[in-house]
Amino acid sequence: MDYAVVNPATGETLATYPTATDAEVETAIAGADAAFRSWGRTSTPAERATLLRKVAGLHRERRDELAAIIVREMGKPLAAAEGEVDFAADITEFYADHIDEITRDLPIDILGEGTAVIRRSPLGVLLGIMPWNFPYYQVARFAAPNLALGNTILLKHAPQCPESAAAIATIYHDAGFPDGAYTDVRLTNDQAATVIADPRVQGVSVTGSERAGAAVAEIAGRNLKKVALELGGSDPFILLSTDDLDATVQAAVEARLDNNGQSCNAAKRFIVADDLYDAFVEKFSAAMADATVGDPFAEDTVLGPLSSLTAAERLAEQVDRAVAQGATVVTGGVRDEAYYPGTVLTGVTPEMDAFREEFFGPVGVVYRARSEDEAVEIANGTPFGLGSYVFTTDEAQAERIADKIEAGMVYVNLVLADSPELPFGGVKRSGTGREMGLLAADEFVNKKLIRTGP
């Protein structure tokens, strides 16, 4: 496994980084364990909050530098990269601001005499395995709540994100976190398995593909380690009624093209009421076709390159296979090196691979729904269950559908509304556990009962 910065816009290899030696891995585990047994157990919530606020501040101070790194690493348009840095800062600050809520004792009303409380204690060393699509945001939502609790972090970033990974580690060091509290370590897959199995490591969090999640969960299960998984998604965007079709189409485009279409919780399947279907397909396809493809550093670019040439080739193969199986390309569908345009497919049926697959790029599949029940059936007809979007002018209908959708998140009449206080996660093959919000602090914590007699 090579850690390298390969600019997907040009194909140029800008830098390479060595993977850790086995001795360096041992040093990283030992350092994280020592930091937990000292700082993690003795620091106060107020002290940890101060450090987290410094981390948030350094993200903001270094915004331009950090954003440019991930444009080079994975092709994110510059404005989106800057927004991601801001969001990582906001998430980190959220846990500093709410640290008392996630660390305080919870009293229990008991039946007998005396008292009982739940005391929230850190577990210890945690391994985070992070993806390339949001190099700062993904790390922040894992690291910030767990450092707030007093856990210590070993961070294995994606092999194509070594520069951003190093920049984050520098921020935690410069903010004043002690050695071992946050350690960037460039692991091979075999080394990651060794880390998970190590008795000093208490849990692992993975954001990535189904395949990666299953492999990590298997190792964690064999070693009786807590695991949190945030995996793929094929989120439905259900449109049943609207007072402004143009605005709804714009929301659909934004929900599909965010992050070059490479977002787990992007809207990917557009399920449209029969009476709106034809007009939606026409307007949606025109807007997708108009999305500017180009240099990710350019101000007017909507779609930069996909994260790698391989990613673009994989997406093109999926679209080509869908067409071979009977789907129709309304617009787009032609790859140019690592660039892929906004693409719309129709005519996808349950017999096709495209009905069940996740398109990790700017491809939207539009389905016709002849009733509310059919819309829900299509929405739930995949192995995934991450997020979902419902657009309707009928409040009662929105409530019914939100209750029926098999997903971890439902957004009604809005998109791109992720926020630090809102929990993020899914069901089915989209994973287990929650990140963000106060629920994130429930994943890797010992909810210790302390029962005291009269």
Protein backbone atom coordinates (compact mmCIF):
# COMPACT_ATOMS: atom_id res chain seq x y z
CA MET A 1 0.00 0.00 0.00
CA ASP A 2 1.49 3.32 -1.10
CA TYR A 3 0.69 6.62 0.58
CA ALA A 4 0.95 9.24 -2.12
CA VAL A 5 -0.51 12.55 -3.22
CA VAL A 6 -1.62 12.08 -6.83
CA ASN A 7 -3.35 15.13 -8.25
CA PRO A 8 -6.42 13.68 -10.02
CA ALA A 9 -6.73 16.80 -12.20
CA THR A 10 -3.37 16.12 -13.84
CA GLY A 11 -2.42 12.57 -12.87
CA GLU A 12 0.86 13.90 -11.46
CA THR A 13 2.34 12.27 -8.36
CA LEU A 14 3.22 15.21 -6.12
CA ALA A 15 4.62 13.39 -3.09
CA THR A 16 5.05 9.93 -1.66
CA TYR A 17 5.21 8.89 1.97
CA PRO A 18 6.50 5.64 3.49
CA THR A 19 4.22 3.38 5.46
CA ALA A 20 5.05 2.90 9.11
CA THR A 21 7.54 0.26 10.15
CA ASP A 22 6.36 -2.33 12.65
CA ALA A 23 8.56 -0.64 15.25
CA GLU A 24 6.86 2.69 14.55
CA VAL A 25 3.46 1.06 14.92
CA GLU A 26 4.45 -0.34 18.32
CA THR A 27 5.75 3.09 19.37
CA ALA A 28 2.46 4.69 18.28
CA ILE A 29 0.33 2.21 20.24
CA ALA A 30 2.53 2.49 23.33
CA GLY A 31 2.46 6.28 23.13
CA ALA A 32 -1.33 6.39 22.80
CA ASP A 33 -1.73 3.99 25.72
CA ALA A 34 0.63 6.01 27.90
CA ALA A 35 -1.19 9.23 27.01
CA PHE A 36 -4.51 7.67 27.96
CA ARG A 37 -3.22 6.41 31.30
CA SER A 38 -1.85 9.83 32.17
CA TRP A 39 -3.58 12.69 30.36
CA GLY A 40 -6.77 10.79 29.47
CA ARG A 41 -7.44 9.84 33.08
CA THR A 42 -6.23 12.97 34.84
CA SER A 43 -7.14 15.91 32.59
CA THR A 44 -10.35 17.75 33.36
CA PRO A 45 -13.15 18.37 30.88
CA ALA A 46 -12.36 22.08 31.02
CA GLU A 47 -8.72 21.41 30.11
CA ARG A 48 -9.73 19.19 27.20
CA ALA A 49 -12.24 21.79 25.99
CA THR A 50 -9.52 24.44 25.94
CA LEU A 51 -7.35 22.24 23.74
CA LEU A 52 -10.23 21.47 21.38
CA ARG A 53 -10.98 25.17 20.98
CA LYS A 54 -7.37 25.71 20.00
CA VAL A 55 -7.71 22.94 17.38
CA ALA A 56 -10.80 24.65 15.96
CA GLY A 57 -8.98 27.98 15.90
CA LEU A 58 -5.98 26.52 14.07
CA HIS A 59 -8.27 25.05 11.42
CA ARG A 60 -9.60 28.53 10.80
CA GLU A 61 -6.17 30.19 10.87
CA ARG A 62 -4.75 27.65 8.38
CA ARG A 63 -7.89 27.50 6.22
CA ASP A 64 -6.26 28.44 2.93
CA GLU A 65 -3.37 26.01 3.34
CA LEU A 66 -5.61 23.15 4.46
CA ALA A 67 -8.11 23.68 1.64
CA ALA A 68 -5.40 23.71 -1.04
CA ILE A 69 -4.04 20.40 0.24
CA ILE A 70 -7.28 18.49 -0.31
CA VAL A 71 -7.91 20.10 -3.70
CA ARG A 72 -4.60 18.53 -4.75
CA GLU A 73 -5.21 15.24 -2.96
CA MET A 74 -8.71 14.38 -4.13
CA GLY A 75 -9.93 17.04 -6.56
CA LYS A 76 -12.49 18.80 -4.35
CA PRO A 77 -13.46 22.22 -5.77
CA LEU A 78 -11.76 24.97 -3.78
CA ALA A 79 -14.92 26.55 -2.35
CA ALA A 80 -16.07 23.14 -1.12
CA ALA A 81 -12.63 22.48 0.39
CA GLU A 82 -12.75 25.77 2.27
CA GLY A 83 -16.24 24.92 3.50
CA GLU A 84 -15.03 21.55 4.74
CA VAL A 85 -12.27 23.15 6.80
CA ASP A 86 -14.84 25.50 8.34
CA PHE A 87 -17.15 22.59 9.14
CA ALA A 88 -14.34 20.62 10.80
CA ALA A 89 -13.63 23.65 12.98
CA ASP A 90 -17.32 23.99 13.88
CA ILE A 91 -17.60 20.31 14.81
CA THR A 92 -14.52 20.46 17.01
CA GLU A 93 -15.79 23.60 18.73
CA PHE A 94 -19.19 21.99 19.29
CA TYR A 95 -17.66 19.30 21.50
CA ALA A 96 -15.68 21.89 23.42
CA ASP A 97 -18.87 23.86 24.03
CA HIS A 98 -20.86 20.78 25.08
CA ILE A 99 -18.18 18.91 26.98
CA ASP A 100 -20.03 19.13 30.30
CA GLU A 101 -23.08 17.41 28.77
CA ILE A 102 -21.07 14.45 27.51
CA THR A 103 -18.94 13.97 30.64
CA ARG A 104 -21.24 14.71 33.58
CA ASP A 105 -22.75 12.03 35.81
CA LEU A 106 -26.30 10.95 35.06
CA PRO A 107 -28.33 10.35 38.27
CA ILE A 108 -30.75 7.40 38.32
CA ASP A 109 -33.99 7.34 40.29
CA ILE A 110 -33.59 4.11 42.25
CA LEU A 111 -36.16 1.90 43.95
CA GLY A 112 -34.11 1.36 47.08
CA GLU A 113 -32.25 3.67 49.45
CA GLY A 114 -29.02 5.47 48.60
CA THR A 115 -27.94 6.81 45.23
CA ALA A 116 -26.93 5.63 41.77
CA VAL A 117 -25.29 7.45 38.91
CA ILE A 118 -23.97 6.61 35.48
CA ARG A 119 -20.43 7.96 35.21
CA ARG A 120 -19.15 8.38 31.67
CA SER A 121 -15.52 7.26 31.51
CA PRO A 122 -13.19 7.00 28.49
CA LEU A 123 -12.35 3.55 27.16
CA GLY A 124 -8.74 4.16 26.10
CA VAL A 125 -6.93 3.95 22.78
CA LEU A 126 -9.09 4.05 19.66
CA LEU A 127 -8.20 3.45 16.03
CA GLY A 128 -9.88 5.60 13.39
CA ILE A 129 -9.79 4.44 9.76
CA MET A 130 -10.77 7.37 7.60
CA PRO A 131 -11.75 7.80 3.91
CA TRP A 132 -10.52 10.22 1.28
CA ASN A 133 -13.76 12.01 0.38
CA PHE A 134 -13.85 14.41 3.36
CA PRO A 135 -10.30 14.39 4.73
CA TYR A 136 -10.91 16.94 7.53
CA TYR A 137 -14.61 16.58 8.31
CA GLN A 138 -14.45 12.81 8.79
CA VAL A 139 -11.53 13.10 11.19
CA ALA A 140 -13.14 15.90 13.20
CA ARG A 141 -16.37 14.02 13.82
CA PHE A 142 -14.44 10.99 15.10
CA ALA A 143 -11.58 12.62 16.97
CA ALA A 144 -13.27 15.59 18.65
CA PRO A 145 -15.92 13.77 20.74
CA ASN A 146 -13.51 11.03 21.74
CA LEU A 147 -10.74 13.39 22.78
CA ALA A 148 -13.37 15.35 24.70
CA LEU A 149 -14.08 12.17 26.66
CA GLY A 150 -10.38 11.49 27.32
CA ASN A 151 -9.86 8.69 24.81
CA THR A 152 -6.68 8.81 22.74
CA ILE A 153 -6.55 8.45 18.97
CA LEU A 154 -4.54 6.49 16.44
CA LEU A 155 -5.54 7.77 13.02
CA LYS A 156 -5.08 5.79 9.81
CA HIS A 157 -6.07 8.05 6.96
CA ALA A 158 -6.70 7.04 3.35
CA PRO A 159 -3.52 6.29 1.40
CA GLN A 160 -4.20 9.22 -0.95
CA CYS A 161 -4.50 11.71 1.93
CA PRO A 162 -1.09 11.66 3.66
CA GLU A 163 -0.55 15.42 3.40
CA SER A 164 -3.88 16.38 4.96
CA ALA A 165 -3.41 13.67 7.59
CA ALA A 166 -0.04 15.14 8.56
CA ALA A 167 -1.52 18.65 8.63
CA ILE A 168 -4.24 17.54 11.07
CA ALA A 169 -1.71 15.83 13.33
CA THR A 170 0.36 19.02 13.36
CA ILE A 171 -2.69 21.00 14.41
CA TYR A 172 -3.36 18.72 17.40
CA HIS A 173 0.31 18.98 18.39
CA ASP A 174 0.39 22.76 18.00
CA ALA A 175 -2.83 23.09 19.99
CA GLY A 176 -1.07 21.54 22.98
CA PHE A 177 -2.38 18.00 23.10
CA PRO A 178 0.25 15.79 24.75
CA ASP A 179 2.31 13.32 22.76
CA GLY A 180 0.26 10.21 22.09
CA ALA A 181 -3.15 11.82 22.45
CA TYR A 182 -3.52 12.07 18.67
CA THR A 183 -1.15 10.15 16.41
CA ASP A 184 -1.20 9.95 12.62
CA VAL A 185 0.10 6.55 11.56
CA ARG A 186 0.38 5.33 7.96
CA LEU A 187 -0.65 1.70 8.35
CA THR A 188 -0.86 -1.11 5.86
CA ASN A 189 -4.02 -3.21 6.04
CA ASP A 190 -2.10 -5.96 7.81
CA GLN A 191 -0.75 -3.48 10.34
CA ALA A 192 -4.25 -2.12 10.92
CA ALA A 193 -5.38 -5.65 11.75
CA THR A 194 -2.52 -5.93 14.22
CA VAL A 195 -3.51 -2.63 15.86
CA ILE A 196 -7.14 -3.72 16.22
CA ALA A 197 -6.05 -6.99 17.83
CA ASP A 198 -3.70 -5.29 20.30
CA PRO A 199 -5.15 -5.49 23.85
CA ARG A 200 -4.22 -1.84 24.48
CA VAL A 201 -6.63 -0.73 21.73
CA GLN A 202 -10.25 -0.62 22.85
CA GLY A 203 -12.21 0.15 19.71
CA VAL A 204 -12.16 1.05 16.05
CA SER A 205 -14.22 3.44 13.94
CA VAL A 206 -14.36 3.01 10.16
CA THR A 207 -15.79 5.23 7.47
CA GLY A 208 -15.52 3.62 4.07
CA SER A 209 -16.86 0.96 1.77
CA GLU A 210 -18.97 -2.05 2.71
CA ARG A 211 -15.98 -4.28 1.96
CA ALA A 212 -13.67 -2.32 4.26
CA GLY A 213 -16.29 -2.18 7.00
CA ALA A 214 -16.95 -5.91 6.87
CA ALA A 215 -13.23 -6.72 6.96
CA VAL A 216 -12.60 -4.47 9.96
CA ALA A 217 -15.73 -5.64 11.80
CA GLU A 218 -14.63 -9.27 11.37
CA ILE A 219 -11.25 -8.56 12.95
CA ALA A 220 -12.83 -6.46 15.70
CA GLY A 221 -15.36 -9.19 16.43
CA ARG A 222 -12.69 -11.86 16.75
CA ASN A 223 -10.92 -9.65 19.26
CA LEU A 224 -14.06 -8.50 21.10
CA LYS A 225 -13.53 -4.84 20.27
CA LYS A 226 -16.21 -2.19 19.95
CA VAL A 227 -16.64 -1.07 16.33
CA ALA A 228 -18.53 1.81 14.72
CA LEU A 229 -19.17 1.68 10.98
CA GLU A 230 -20.22 4.45 8.59
CA LEU A 231 -20.39 2.83 5.19
CA GLY A 232 -22.03 3.40 1.82
CA GLY A 233 -25.36 4.89 0.90
CA SER A 234 -27.75 5.16 -2.01
CA ASP A 235 -30.01 7.80 -0.55
CA PRO A 236 -33.47 8.37 -1.99
CA PHE A 237 -34.79 11.82 -2.88
CA ILE A 238 -38.59 11.46 -2.90
CA LEU A 239 -40.56 14.21 -4.65
CA LEU A 240 -44.34 13.95 -4.33
CA SER A 241 -45.47 17.59 -4.52
CA THR A 242 -43.92 21.03 -4.66
CA ASP A 243 -44.92 24.69 -4.91
CA ASP A 244 -41.70 25.51 -6.79
CA LEU A 245 -40.36 22.81 -9.08
CA ASP A 246 -37.35 24.89 -10.15
CA ALA A 247 -36.23 25.30 -6.54
CA THR A 248 -36.77 21.61 -5.86
CA VAL A 249 -34.74 20.67 -8.93
CA GLN A 250 -31.95 22.96 -7.76
CA ALA A 251 -32.00 21.23 -4.37
CA ALA A 252 -31.83 17.86 -6.13
CA VAL A 253 -28.81 18.95 -8.17
CA GLU A 254 -27.01 20.31 -5.12
CA ALA A 255 -27.74 17.13 -3.19
CA ARG A 256 -26.34 15.00 -6.02
CA LEU A 257 -23.26 17.04 -7.02
CA ASP A 258 -21.90 18.02 -3.61
CA ASN A 259 -18.26 16.94 -3.27
CA ASN A 260 -18.12 15.95 -6.95
CA GLY A 261 -20.93 13.51 -6.23
CA GLN A 262 -18.65 11.54 -3.89
CA SER A 263 -20.58 11.72 -0.65
CA CYS A 264 -22.02 8.74 1.22
CA ASN A 265 -25.22 10.61 2.09
CA ALA A 266 -25.70 12.35 -1.24
CA ALA A 267 -29.09 11.97 -2.90
CA LYS A 268 -28.51 9.34 -5.57
CA ARG A 269 -31.95 7.97 -6.45
CA PHE A 270 -34.67 10.45 -7.39
CA ILE A 271 -38.15 9.03 -6.93
CA VAL A 272 -40.69 11.36 -8.49
CA ALA A 273 -44.48 11.37 -8.51
CA ASP A 274 -46.02 10.44 -11.84
CA ASP A 275 -47.49 13.90 -12.50
CA LEU A 276 -44.13 15.63 -11.92
CA TYR A 277 -41.86 13.02 -13.49
CA ASP A 278 -41.53 14.31 -17.06
CA ALA A 279 -40.99 17.94 -16.03
CA PHE A 280 -38.52 16.91 -13.33
CA VAL A 281 -36.45 14.76 -15.70
CA GLU A 282 -36.29 17.59 -18.23
CA LYS A 283 -35.26 20.28 -15.74
CA PHE A 284 -33.00 18.03 -13.67
CA SER A 285 -31.14 16.75 -16.73
CA ALA A 286 -30.64 20.28 -18.06
CA ALA A 287 -29.28 21.48 -14.73
CA MET A 288 -26.96 18.48 -14.38
CA ALA A 289 -25.65 19.08 -17.89
CA ASP A 290 -25.00 22.75 -17.07
CA ALA A 291 -22.76 21.95 -14.08
CA THR A 292 -19.33 23.31 -15.00
CA VAL A 293 -16.61 20.65 -15.13
CA GLY A 294 -13.04 21.88 -14.81
CA ASP A 295 -10.04 22.92 -12.76
CA PRO A 296 -10.97 22.47 -9.07
CA PHE A 297 -9.05 25.67 -8.22
CA ALA A 298 -11.24 27.73 -10.61
CA GLU A 299 -14.00 29.79 -9.03
CA ASP A 300 -16.77 28.69 -11.41
CA THR A 301 -16.05 24.96 -11.21
CA VAL A 302 -18.91 22.87 -9.89
CA LEU A 303 -17.38 19.46 -10.68
CA GLY A 304 -13.67 18.87 -10.40
CA PRO A 305 -12.14 15.49 -11.21
CA LEU A 306 -13.19 12.43 -9.30
CA SER A 307 -10.77 11.41 -6.59
CA SER A 308 -8.67 9.31 -8.96
CA LEU A 309 -8.56 7.96 -12.48
CA THR A 310 -9.53 4.57 -11.06
CA ALA A 311 -12.63 6.05 -9.42
CA ALA A 312 -13.70 7.63 -12.70
CA GLU A 313 -13.12 4.40 -14.60
CA ARG A 314 -15.17 2.47 -12.05
CA LEU A 315 -18.06 4.93 -12.31
CA ALA A 316 -17.97 4.82 -16.12
CA GLU A 317 -18.06 1.03 -16.02
CA GLN A 318 -21.16 1.11 -13.80
CA VAL A 319 -22.97 3.51 -16.15
CA ASP A 320 -21.98 1.52 -19.22
CA ARG A 321 -23.21 -1.68 -17.58
CA ALA A 322 -26.51 -0.03 -16.66
CA VAL A 323 -26.99 1.02 -20.29
CA ALA A 324 -26.10 -2.49 -21.51
CA GLN A 325 -28.79 -3.83 -19.17
CA GLY A 326 -31.43 -1.44 -20.55
CA ALA A 327 -31.11 1.92 -18.78
CA THR A 328 -31.16 5.21 -20.71
CA VAL A 329 -28.59 8.01 -20.40
CA VAL A 330 -30.51 11.29 -20.63
CA THR A 331 -27.40 13.44 -20.30
CA GLY A 332 -23.70 12.94 -19.61
CA GLY A 333 -22.16 9.51 -19.35
CA VAL A 334 -18.86 10.22 -21.13
CA ARG A 335 -15.65 10.13 -19.08
CA ASP A 336 -12.66 12.38 -19.79
CA GLU A 337 -9.69 10.98 -17.86
CA ALA A 338 -10.59 11.49 -14.15
CA TYR A 339 -13.40 13.93 -15.00
CA TYR A 340 -16.99 12.76 -15.20
CA PRO A 341 -19.90 15.06 -16.09
CA GLY A 342 -23.27 15.38 -14.41
CA THR A 343 -25.18 12.33 -15.64
CA VAL A 344 -28.82 11.26 -15.47
CA LEU A 345 -30.12 7.71 -15.94
CA THR A 346 -33.72 6.61 -16.37
CA GLY A 347 -35.33 3.26 -17.02
CA VAL A 348 -33.50 1.43 -14.23
CA THR A 349 -35.45 -1.62 -13.06
CA PRO A 350 -35.03 -4.03 -10.14
CA GLU A 351 -33.44 -6.59 -12.46
CA MET A 352 -30.46 -4.31 -13.14
CA ASP A 353 -27.30 -4.02 -11.08
CA ALA A 354 -27.81 -0.23 -10.99
CA PHE A 355 -30.96 -0.69 -8.90
CA ARG A 356 -28.90 -1.93 -5.95
CA GLU A 357 -25.49 -0.31 -6.52
CA GLU A 358 -24.16 2.97 -5.16
CA PHE A 359 -22.96 5.41 -7.82
CA PHE A 360 -20.10 7.22 -6.11
CA GLY A 361 -19.92 10.16 -8.48
CA PRO A 362 -22.18 12.69 -10.21
CA VAL A 363 -24.78 10.21 -11.52
CA GLY A 364 -28.45 10.50 -10.62
CA VAL A 365 -31.00 7.77 -11.32
CA VAL A 366 -34.62 8.94 -11.72
CA TYR A 367 -37.57 6.65 -10.98
CA ARG A 368 -41.30 7.20 -11.60
CA ALA A 369 -43.62 6.56 -8.63
CA ARG A 370 -47.37 6.19 -9.22
CA SER A 371 -48.29 6.37 -5.54
CA GLU A 372 -46.91 7.24 -2.13
CA ASP A 373 -46.60 3.56 -1.26
CA GLU A 374 -44.67 2.82 -4.45
CA ALA A 375 -42.31 5.71 -3.72
CA VAL A 376 -41.55 4.26 -0.28
CA GLU A 377 -41.14 0.78 -1.75
CA ILE A 378 -38.57 2.04 -4.26
CA ALA A 379 -36.82 4.09 -1.58
CA ASN A 380 -36.44 1.05 0.67
CA GLY A 381 -35.54 -1.32 -2.15
CA THR A 382 -31.76 -1.23 -1.67
CA PRO A 383 -29.35 -2.81 0.79
CA PHE A 384 -28.43 0.68 2.08
CA GLY A 385 -30.08 2.85 4.71
CA LEU A 386 -28.00 5.95 5.38
CA GLY A 387 -29.86 9.18 4.61
CA SER A 388 -32.98 10.22 2.71
CA TYR A 389 -34.79 13.31 1.45
CA VAL A 390 -38.52 13.92 1.20
CA PHE A 391 -40.08 16.83 -0.68
CA THR A 392 -43.81 17.37 -0.28
CA THR A 393 -46.22 20.18 0.55
CA ASP A 394 -48.29 17.80 2.68
CA GLU A 395 -47.03 17.79 6.27
CA ALA A 396 -48.95 14.65 7.20
CA GLN A 397 -47.54 12.85 4.18
CA ALA A 398 -44.02 13.91 5.11
CA GLU A 399 -44.54 12.50 8.59
CA ARG A 400 -45.85 9.19 7.23
CA ILE A 401 -42.98 8.75 4.82
CA ALA A 402 -40.34 9.76 7.34
CA ASP A 403 -41.67 7.04 9.62
CA LYS A 404 -41.63 4.38 6.88
CA ILE A 405 -38.24 5.05 5.33
CA GLU A 406 -35.52 2.57 6.35
CA ALA A 407 -32.70 5.03 6.96
CA GLY A 408 -30.73 6.60 9.76
CA MET A 409 -31.59 10.15 8.66
CA VAL A 410 -34.55 11.83 6.97
CA TYR A 411 -34.43 15.42 5.73
CA VAL A 412 -37.77 16.98 4.78
CA ASN A 413 -37.86 19.79 2.20
CA LEU A 414 -34.16 20.62 2.52
CA VAL A 415 -30.73 19.29 1.57
CA LEU A 416 -27.10 19.82 2.66
CA ALA A 417 -28.30 20.54 6.18
CA ASP A 418 -25.69 18.54 8.11
CA SER A 419 -24.72 20.34 11.30
CA PRO A 420 -22.50 19.54 14.30
CA GLU A 421 -25.44 18.95 16.63
CA LEU A 422 -27.21 16.46 14.30
CA PRO A 423 -26.32 12.76 14.61
CA PHE A 424 -25.07 11.06 11.45
CA GLY A 425 -25.33 7.35 10.68
CA GLY A 426 -27.35 4.61 9.08
CA VAL A 427 -28.90 1.16 9.21
CA LYS A 428 -28.82 -1.97 7.04
CA ARG A 429 -25.57 -2.13 5.05
CA SER A 430 -24.85 1.53 5.67
CA GLY A 431 -23.34 0.74 9.04
CA THR A 432 -23.83 0.89 12.79
CA GLY A 433 -23.44 3.62 15.37
CA ARG A 434 -23.67 7.39 15.16
CA GLU A 435 -21.24 10.23 14.69
CA MET A 436 -21.84 13.95 15.26
CA GLY A 437 -24.17 15.41 17.85
CA LEU A 438 -24.22 14.29 21.45
CA LEU A 439 -24.86 10.68 20.38
CA ALA A 440 -21.28 10.49 19.04
CA ALA A 441 -20.04 10.55 22.61
CA ASP A 442 -22.01 7.36 23.36
CA GLU A 443 -19.99 5.15 21.02
CA PHE A 444 -16.68 4.72 22.85
CA VAL A 445 -17.45 5.40 26.49
CA ASN A 446 -17.83 3.31 29.62
CA LYS A 447 -21.24 4.12 31.08
CA LYS A 448 -20.18 3.04 34.53
CA LEU A 449 -22.82 2.42 37.19
CA ILE A 450 -21.90 3.67 40.66
CA ARG A 451 -24.43 2.51 43.25
CA THR A 452 -24.01 3.80 46.79
CA GLY A 453 -25.86 2.61 49.85
CA PRO A 454 -27.57 4.85 52.42
